[in-house]
Amino acid sequence: MRSSSADIFFNFSETLRQQGRRKIIVDATSEEQELATDEVSRPHFIDLAKERMRRSRGRELPGTFNPMVIGELFVEQSAPWERIVSNLKSEILGVVNDIVKMIVGHIAIQETASGILAIIRGSLELLANDLETKFRELLAPHIEGHPITYNHYLTDTVQKIQEERRRKSLEEQFRKIIWHDEFASGRQISIFPSRVFNQSEKHIEVDMERYGGELAVDYMEAYYKVSALLSVFLQAVNPRPISLLTYLKARKQEIFDDISVLAVERCLINKLPSLFPSETILDLRDDEVAYIATESGTLALERSRYGQKLTTLEDAKTELKQLDIHRALDLASPLLEAVDLYSDEESEAEFSEDEQTEVTEQSQHEEGHCHGTNMGCLRNSQRYRLLAHHT
């Protein structure tokens, strides 16, 4: 926000400097010189000032004027200020709206963001009204009031304007006394002081009304510079301590600093954190909370469809786990049988030859003992032989 506002204020300062005057007063060298639509020659503007002096004449002495003439001329010259400041307000509020949308869009879903933005816009509208009121308050002295200032820069500027004009006039007179080529070459030449004196004497203004008009125009231009001469944006963008000299120079841009610091900085930027405080959330009614958090029909249907898909996938996952268990058992059965068979073979192989001999002798003994006497004994001996043969 600071970066964007700094760019906007830089453009505002350039616009106010280049387009802040209704008419640009130029020193036309000849009547045939073509002027732009926003330019006016100094002689013509002085004639306009003389006309106003005639209408407002009271007890002023010849060559003097009513101070209200300066105010009238200034109001006409500063007419574009209101439009430029209005454009500044629109640009600043546009940036604030864009940043608020970006923040809300980042922290909330689209359906909820619209409800949150509706609440924030209500608070932002109040800030916009305060900003508009402050703009009008700061512009009122320059548009509706009479000119007033206690800055010594006003008289300094008037004297510098007059000195610059006298310098140009003397230069023009010297060009008439001395040939142009010799004047431009910078060579040393001999002149008669009387010629210089006589030529400069011709430039003395004897028309008191015109002299008063020139003085009124000079004061109007000086007052305009005191009120609106522009420099860098100091307080809102670069709030570092500044020297007294820098501060006095900065006050030449009174309207610019007032708009940027007193209006935009204090009435808007400093209050942006309070657009959506936690107290606002706690004070919301149930219907407002429902409006903000309620899902749309499309979103609810989509959520239900995704829920069904999730249930289906979970059931399929459970079945796959069961199939995986049965498959593992089927694969393990042949291995278990092979292990049992191998174990039986090892057990049988453990019988030694001595044990086999012992079994054979025992069977023969049993057979001799029970020969001719009992069939049961015969069967037992046959069992021993079979066991011995098997081993």
Protein backbone atom coordinates (compact mmCIF):
# COMPACT_ATOMS: atom_id res chain seq x y z
CA MET A 1 0.00 0.00 0.00
CA ARG A 2 2.85 2.38 0.84
CA SER A 3 4.57 1.68 -2.45
CA SER A 4 1.41 2.19 -4.48
CA SER A 5 0.48 5.38 -2.63
CA ALA A 6 3.99 6.76 -3.15
CA ASP A 7 3.66 6.26 -6.91
CA ILE A 8 0.23 7.87 -6.90
CA PHE A 9 1.47 10.90 -4.96
CA PHE A 10 4.44 11.31 -7.27
CA ASN A 11 2.07 11.38 -10.24
CA PHE A 12 -0.20 13.73 -8.31
CA SER A 13 2.67 16.15 -7.70
CA GLU A 14 3.64 16.10 -11.38
CA THR A 15 0.03 16.60 -12.47
CA LEU A 16 -0.46 19.47 -10.04
CA ARG A 17 2.75 21.08 -11.21
CA GLN A 18 2.03 20.73 -14.93
CA GLN A 19 -1.76 21.07 -15.02
CA GLY A 20 -2.51 22.93 -11.79
CA ARG A 21 -2.82 26.33 -13.50
CA ARG A 22 -5.78 27.17 -15.62
CA LYS A 23 -3.62 29.39 -17.81
CA ILE A 24 0.16 29.49 -18.09
CA ILE A 25 1.39 33.08 -18.27
CA VAL A 26 4.17 33.46 -20.84
CA ASP A 27 6.19 36.49 -21.83
CA ALA A 28 5.23 36.74 -25.49
CA THR A 29 7.95 38.41 -27.52
CA SER A 30 5.54 39.52 -30.23
CA GLU A 31 1.84 39.58 -31.00
CA GLU A 32 2.36 37.13 -33.85
CA GLN A 33 3.73 34.44 -31.52
CA GLU A 34 1.41 31.43 -31.42
CA LEU A 35 0.38 30.25 -27.97
CA ALA A 36 -0.98 26.92 -26.81
CA THR A 37 -4.59 26.58 -25.68
CA ASP A 38 -3.55 26.65 -22.01
CA GLU A 39 -1.22 29.64 -22.41
CA VAL A 40 -1.88 33.37 -22.19
CA SER A 41 0.48 36.25 -22.80
CA ARG A 42 1.47 38.41 -19.85
CA PRO A 43 0.20 41.65 -21.43
CA HIS A 44 -3.21 40.07 -22.02
CA PHE A 45 -3.38 38.69 -18.49
CA ILE A 46 -2.40 42.10 -17.10
CA ASP A 47 -5.29 43.61 -19.03
CA LEU A 48 -7.63 41.13 -17.35
CA ALA A 49 -6.22 42.12 -13.97
CA LYS A 50 -6.72 45.81 -14.78
CA GLU A 51 -10.36 45.12 -15.62
CA ARG A 52 -10.89 43.45 -12.25
CA MET A 53 -9.15 46.31 -10.48
CA ARG A 54 -11.55 48.78 -12.07
CA ARG A 55 -14.56 46.78 -10.90
CA SER A 56 -13.27 46.45 -7.33
CA ARG A 57 -11.77 49.91 -6.99
CA GLY A 58 -12.46 51.62 -3.68
CA ARG A 59 -10.11 53.92 -1.82
CA GLU A 60 -6.92 52.62 -3.36
CA LEU A 61 -4.34 55.10 -4.57
CA PRO A 62 -3.22 55.01 -8.22
CA GLY A 63 -0.89 52.08 -8.79
CA THR A 64 -2.31 50.11 -5.86
CA PHE A 65 -5.10 47.55 -5.86
CA ASN A 66 -7.65 45.80 -3.71
CA PRO A 67 -6.09 42.62 -2.20
CA MET A 68 -9.24 40.70 -3.13
CA VAL A 69 -8.15 40.98 -6.76
CA ILE A 70 -5.30 38.58 -5.97
CA GLY A 71 -7.82 36.13 -4.50
CA GLU A 72 -10.05 36.31 -7.56
CA LEU A 73 -7.14 35.77 -9.92
CA PHE A 74 -5.83 32.94 -7.77
CA VAL A 75 -9.20 31.15 -7.67
CA GLU A 76 -9.36 31.27 -11.44
CA GLN A 77 -5.82 30.00 -11.82
CA SER A 78 -6.26 27.17 -9.28
CA ALA A 79 -9.57 25.95 -10.73
CA PRO A 80 -8.06 22.59 -11.87
CA TRP A 81 -7.06 21.72 -8.31
CA GLU A 82 -10.47 20.33 -7.40
CA ARG A 83 -10.51 18.01 -10.40
CA ILE A 84 -6.93 16.84 -9.78
CA VAL A 85 -7.64 16.14 -6.10
CA SER A 86 -10.84 14.27 -7.03
CA ASN A 87 -8.83 12.07 -9.40
CA LEU A 88 -6.34 11.47 -6.60
CA LYS A 89 -9.14 10.30 -4.33
CA SER A 90 -10.42 7.87 -6.97
CA GLU A 91 -6.95 6.42 -7.54
CA ILE A 92 -6.23 5.99 -3.83
CA LEU A 93 -9.58 4.31 -3.15
CA GLY A 94 -9.10 2.10 -6.21
CA VAL A 95 -5.77 0.86 -4.87
CA VAL A 96 -7.30 0.24 -1.43
CA ASN A 97 -10.15 -1.77 -2.98
CA ASP A 98 -7.73 -3.87 -5.03
CA ILE A 99 -5.52 -4.62 -2.03
CA VAL A 100 -8.52 -5.52 0.15
CA LYS A 101 -9.79 -7.91 -2.53
CA MET A 102 -6.38 -9.55 -2.79
CA ILE A 103 -6.12 -10.06 0.98
CA VAL A 104 -9.64 -11.43 1.38
CA GLY A 105 -9.26 -13.64 -1.69
CA HIS A 106 -6.07 -15.07 -0.22
CA ILE A 107 -7.48 -15.96 3.20
CA ALA A 108 -11.05 -16.99 2.28
CA ILE A 109 -12.81 -19.08 -0.35
CA GLN A 110 -14.74 -17.35 -3.10
CA GLU A 111 -18.21 -17.90 -1.62
CA THR A 112 -17.20 -16.59 1.81
CA ALA A 113 -15.07 -13.75 0.42
CA SER A 114 -18.08 -12.02 -1.11
CA GLY A 115 -19.81 -11.75 2.28
CA ILE A 116 -16.66 -10.51 4.01
CA LEU A 117 -16.09 -7.92 1.29
CA ALA A 118 -19.66 -6.67 1.73
CA ILE A 119 -18.93 -5.91 5.39
CA ILE A 120 -15.55 -4.31 4.65
CA ARG A 121 -17.00 -2.12 1.90
CA GLY A 122 -19.40 -0.63 4.42
CA SER A 123 -16.50 0.46 6.64
CA LEU A 124 -14.50 1.57 3.61
CA GLU A 125 -17.38 3.75 2.46
CA LEU A 126 -17.26 5.59 5.78
CA LEU A 127 -13.53 6.20 5.34
CA ALA A 128 -14.14 7.45 1.79
CA ASN A 129 -16.70 9.94 3.09
CA ASP A 130 -14.25 11.16 5.74
CA LEU A 131 -11.58 11.52 3.07
CA GLU A 132 -13.91 13.53 0.85
CA THR A 133 -14.79 15.80 3.77
CA LYS A 134 -11.12 16.36 4.56
CA PHE A 135 -10.33 17.14 0.91
CA ARG A 136 -13.03 19.79 0.81
CA GLU A 137 -11.84 21.22 4.11
CA LEU A 138 -8.27 21.56 2.84
CA LEU A 139 -9.30 22.99 -0.53
CA ALA A 140 -11.78 25.49 0.91
CA PRO A 141 -9.21 28.15 1.93
CA HIS A 142 -7.69 28.10 -1.56
CA ILE A 143 -10.97 28.06 -3.48
CA GLU A 144 -13.45 30.00 -1.35
CA GLY A 145 -11.44 32.09 1.10
CA HIS A 146 -9.37 35.22 0.60
CA PRO A 147 -5.59 34.96 0.19
CA ILE A 148 -3.75 34.93 3.49
CA THR A 149 -0.23 33.85 4.40
CA TYR A 150 2.47 34.84 6.88
CA ASN A 151 5.29 33.28 4.90
CA HIS A 152 8.06 35.71 3.99
CA TYR A 153 8.61 33.66 0.87
CA LEU A 154 5.73 35.57 -0.70
CA THR A 155 7.62 38.88 -0.83
CA ASP A 156 10.84 37.10 -1.78
CA THR A 157 9.09 35.50 -4.72
CA VAL A 158 7.54 38.80 -5.81
CA GLN A 159 10.95 40.49 -5.81
CA LYS A 160 12.56 37.63 -7.72
CA ILE A 161 9.81 37.73 -10.34
CA GLN A 162 10.25 41.49 -10.74
CA GLU A 163 14.05 41.20 -10.85
CA GLU A 164 13.84 38.56 -13.56
CA ARG A 165 11.50 40.72 -15.59
CA ARG A 166 13.73 43.79 -15.16
CA ARG A 167 16.74 41.75 -16.21
CA LYS A 168 15.01 40.67 -19.39
CA SER A 169 13.95 44.26 -20.02
CA LEU A 170 17.49 45.60 -19.54
CA GLU A 171 18.85 42.89 -21.78
CA GLU A 172 16.39 43.91 -24.46
CA GLN A 173 17.39 47.58 -24.09
CA PHE A 174 21.07 46.74 -24.37
CA ARG A 175 20.39 44.78 -27.51
CA LYS A 176 18.88 47.90 -28.98
CA ILE A 177 21.90 50.02 -28.01
CA ILE A 178 24.49 47.45 -29.11
CA TRP A 179 24.33 45.39 -32.23
CA HIS A 180 23.04 41.87 -31.63
CA ASP A 181 26.16 40.18 -32.98
CA GLU A 182 28.44 42.19 -30.74
CA PHE A 183 26.20 41.53 -27.73
CA ALA A 184 26.23 37.77 -28.30
CA SER A 185 29.99 37.57 -28.89
CA GLY A 186 30.91 38.88 -25.45
CA ARG A 187 33.57 41.21 -26.79
CA GLN A 188 34.53 44.40 -24.98
CA ILE A 189 33.13 47.54 -26.59
CA SER A 190 32.87 51.22 -25.74
CA ILE A 191 29.46 52.74 -25.03
CA PHE A 192 28.18 56.07 -23.84
CA PRO A 193 26.59 55.91 -20.37
CA SER A 194 24.11 58.57 -21.36
CA ARG A 195 22.71 56.31 -24.07
CA VAL A 196 22.23 53.51 -21.58
CA PHE A 197 20.57 55.85 -19.10
CA ASN A 198 18.26 57.34 -21.71
CA GLN A 199 17.28 53.92 -23.03
CA SER A 200 16.49 52.51 -19.59
CA GLU A 201 14.54 55.65 -18.71
CA LYS A 202 12.16 54.97 -21.57
CA HIS A 203 11.10 51.72 -19.89
CA ILE A 204 9.61 53.41 -16.83
CA GLU A 205 5.90 52.56 -16.65
CA VAL A 206 3.81 55.71 -16.49
CA ASP A 207 0.43 53.96 -16.70
CA MET A 208 -0.53 53.53 -13.05
CA GLU A 209 -3.28 51.03 -13.80
CA ARG A 210 -0.93 48.90 -15.82
CA TYR A 211 1.71 49.16 -13.13
CA GLY A 212 -0.86 48.07 -10.54
CA GLY A 213 -1.99 45.23 -12.82
CA GLU A 214 1.59 43.99 -13.21
CA LEU A 215 2.07 44.11 -9.46
CA ALA A 216 -1.20 42.24 -8.87
CA VAL A 217 -0.19 39.54 -11.35
CA ASP A 218 3.22 39.25 -9.69
CA TYR A 219 1.61 38.79 -6.28
CA MET A 220 -0.88 36.29 -7.66
CA GLU A 221 1.92 34.16 -9.15
CA ALA A 222 3.94 34.40 -5.94
CA TYR A 223 0.94 33.41 -3.81
CA TYR A 224 0.29 30.48 -6.12
CA LYS A 225 3.85 29.28 -5.61
CA VAL A 226 3.58 29.71 -1.85
CA SER A 227 0.41 27.62 -1.85
CA ALA A 228 1.31 24.97 -4.39
CA LEU A 229 5.01 24.86 -5.31
CA LEU A 230 5.86 21.18 -5.33
CA SER A 231 8.78 19.09 -4.17
CA VAL A 232 9.18 15.52 -2.98
CA PHE A 233 6.60 13.81 -0.82
CA LEU A 234 8.00 14.17 2.71
CA GLN A 235 5.78 13.23 5.60
CA ALA A 236 3.71 10.25 4.46
CA VAL A 237 6.36 8.51 2.36
CA ASN A 238 9.58 9.63 4.09
CA PRO A 239 8.80 10.49 7.74
CA ARG A 240 12.44 11.04 8.76
CA PRO A 241 13.46 14.18 10.70
CA ILE A 242 14.19 17.13 8.44
CA SER A 243 16.11 20.32 8.96
CA LEU A 244 14.45 23.68 9.49
CA LEU A 245 15.59 24.88 6.07
CA THR A 246 14.18 21.79 4.39
CA TYR A 247 10.94 22.19 6.32
CA LEU A 248 10.58 25.83 5.25
CA LYS A 249 11.15 24.82 1.65
CA ALA A 250 8.67 21.98 2.00
CA ARG A 251 5.97 24.35 3.22
CA LYS A 252 5.98 25.86 -0.25
CA GLN A 253 3.96 22.83 -1.26
CA GLU A 254 1.24 23.47 1.31
CA ILE A 255 -1.70 22.01 -0.56
CA PHE A 256 0.27 18.95 -1.62
CA ASP A 257 1.46 18.13 1.90
CA ASP A 258 -1.98 18.80 3.37
CA ILE A 259 -3.66 16.46 0.92
CA SER A 260 -1.08 13.71 1.32
CA VAL A 261 -0.50 13.87 5.08
CA LEU A 262 -3.60 15.32 6.70
CA ALA A 263 -6.13 13.75 4.35
CA VAL A 264 -4.90 10.49 2.83
CA GLU A 265 -2.44 9.45 5.54
CA ARG A 266 -4.53 10.24 8.61
CA CYS A 267 -8.06 9.81 7.30
CA LEU A 268 -7.50 6.70 5.20
CA ILE A 269 -4.22 4.79 5.40
CA ASN A 270 -3.86 4.89 9.20
CA LYS A 271 -7.45 3.63 9.58
CA LEU A 272 -7.21 0.68 7.19
CA PRO A 273 -6.37 -1.84 9.97
CA SER A 274 -9.76 -1.05 11.56
CA LEU A 275 -11.78 -2.03 8.49
CA PHE A 276 -12.56 -5.54 9.78
CA PRO A 277 -11.77 -5.80 13.53
CA SER A 278 -12.61 -8.82 15.68
CA GLU A 279 -15.37 -6.84 17.39
CA THR A 280 -17.23 -6.66 14.09
CA ILE A 281 -17.21 -10.45 13.83
CA LEU A 282 -18.48 -10.86 17.39
CA ASP A 283 -21.29 -8.38 16.76
CA LEU A 284 -22.58 -10.18 13.66
CA ARG A 285 -26.14 -11.48 13.89
CA ASP A 286 -26.95 -15.12 13.20
CA ASP A 287 -28.52 -14.33 9.86
CA GLU A 288 -25.42 -12.36 8.83
CA VAL A 289 -23.14 -15.24 9.82
CA ALA A 290 -25.38 -17.62 7.88
CA TYR A 291 -25.26 -15.33 4.86
CA ILE A 292 -21.47 -15.20 4.94
CA ALA A 293 -20.85 -18.90 5.64
CA THR A 294 -23.76 -20.52 3.73
CA GLU A 295 -22.69 -22.59 0.74
CA SER A 296 -24.30 -22.14 -2.62
CA GLY A 297 -26.49 -24.88 -4.10
CA THR A 298 -23.85 -25.78 -6.66
CA LEU A 299 -21.14 -26.05 -4.01
CA ALA A 300 -23.36 -28.17 -1.73
CA LEU A 301 -24.15 -30.55 -4.61
CA GLU A 302 -20.50 -30.78 -5.50
CA ARG A 303 -19.56 -31.44 -1.88
CA SER A 304 -22.20 -34.25 -1.69
CA ARG A 305 -20.89 -35.82 -4.89
CA TYR A 306 -17.33 -35.75 -3.60
CA GLY A 307 -18.52 -37.29 -0.32
CA GLN A 308 -20.11 -40.21 -2.17
CA LYS A 309 -16.94 -40.73 -4.16
CA LEU A 310 -14.92 -40.73 -0.94
CA THR A 311 -17.21 -43.37 0.62
CA THR A 312 -16.91 -45.58 -2.47
CA LEU A 313 -13.14 -45.29 -2.47
CA GLU A 314 -12.92 -46.15 1.24
CA ASP A 315 -15.09 -49.29 0.74
CA ALA A 316 -12.94 -50.34 -2.19
CA LYS A 317 -9.84 -49.83 -0.08
CA THR A 318 -11.25 -52.11 2.65
CA GLU A 319 -12.08 -54.87 0.13
CA LEU A 320 -8.64 -54.64 -1.41
CA LYS A 321 -7.07 -55.08 2.01
CA GLN A 322 -9.16 -58.24 2.62
CA LEU A 323 -8.26 -59.66 -0.79
CA ASP A 324 -4.64 -58.98 -0.10
CA ILE A 325 -4.83 -60.97 3.18
CA HIS A 326 -6.43 -64.04 1.47
CA ARG A 327 -3.93 -63.91 -1.35
CA ALA A 328 -1.08 -63.86 1.15
CA LEU A 329 -2.51 -66.99 2.89
CA ASP A 330 -2.91 -68.86 -0.41
CA LEU A 331 0.67 -68.12 -1.33
CA ALA A 332 1.90 -69.24 2.10
CA SER A 333 0.11 -72.73 2.15
CA PRO A 334 2.49 -74.61 -0.27
CA LEU A 335 5.44 -73.21 1.58
CA LEU A 336 4.08 -74.47 4.91
CA GLU A 337 3.48 -77.97 3.48
CA ALA A 338 7.00 -78.06 2.07
CA VAL A 339 8.41 -77.05 5.42
CA ASP A 340 6.40 -79.79 7.25
CA LEU A 341 7.51 -82.45 4.76
CA TYR A 342 11.11 -81.40 5.05
CA SER A 343 10.83 -81.57 8.84
CA ASP A 344 9.36 -85.11 8.72
CA GLU A 345 12.15 -86.31 6.44
CA GLU A 346 14.79 -84.94 8.75
CA SER A 347 13.14 -86.60 11.76
CA GLU A 348 13.07 -89.96 10.06
CA ALA A 349 16.67 -89.59 8.92
CA GLU A 350 17.76 -89.22 12.50
CA PHE A 351 17.24 -92.92 13.14
CA SER A 352 20.72 -94.52 13.36
CA GLU A 353 21.71 -97.94 12.10
CA ASP A 354 22.01 -99.17 15.69
CA GLU A 355 18.40 -98.26 16.31
CA GLN A 356 17.34 -100.11 13.14
CA THR A 357 19.35 -103.21 14.31
CA GLU A 358 17.75 -102.98 17.74
CA VAL A 359 14.29 -102.89 16.19
CA THR A 360 15.08 -105.91 13.99
CA GLU A 361 16.41 -107.96 16.91
CA GLN A 362 13.41 -107.06 19.01
CA SER A 363 11.06 -108.20 16.26
CA GLN A 364 12.88 -111.53 15.87
CA HIS A 365 12.78 -112.08 19.61
CA GLU A 366 9.12 -111.37 19.71
CA GLU A 367 8.53 -113.68 16.77
CA GLY A 368 10.50 -116.59 18.40
CA HIS A 369 8.82 -116.06 21.71
CA CYS A 370 5.34 -116.16 20.41
CA HIS A 371 5.85 -118.72 17.57
CA GLY A 372 3.07 -121.27 17.62
CA THR A 373 1.41 -119.77 20.60
CA ASN A 374 -0.36 -116.56 19.72
CA MET A 375 -1.32 -114.76 16.53
CA GLY A 376 -1.17 -111.41 18.38
CA CYS A 377 2.50 -111.77 18.95
CA LEU A 378 2.96 -112.61 15.29
CA ARG A 379 1.25 -109.49 14.29
CA ASN A 380 3.45 -107.43 16.64
CA SER A 381 6.58 -108.91 15.12
CA GLN A 382 5.30 -108.14 11.66
CA ARG A 383 4.74 -104.54 12.73
CA TYR A 384 8.36 -104.26 13.89
CA ARG A 385 9.61 -105.68 10.57
CA LEU A 386 7.49 -103.25 8.63
CA LEU A 387 8.79 -100.39 10.74
CA ALA A 388 12.37 -101.52 10.26
CA HIS A 389 11.86 -101.91 6.52
CA HIS A 390 10.36 -98.45 6.31
CA THR A 391 13.25 -96.88 8.16
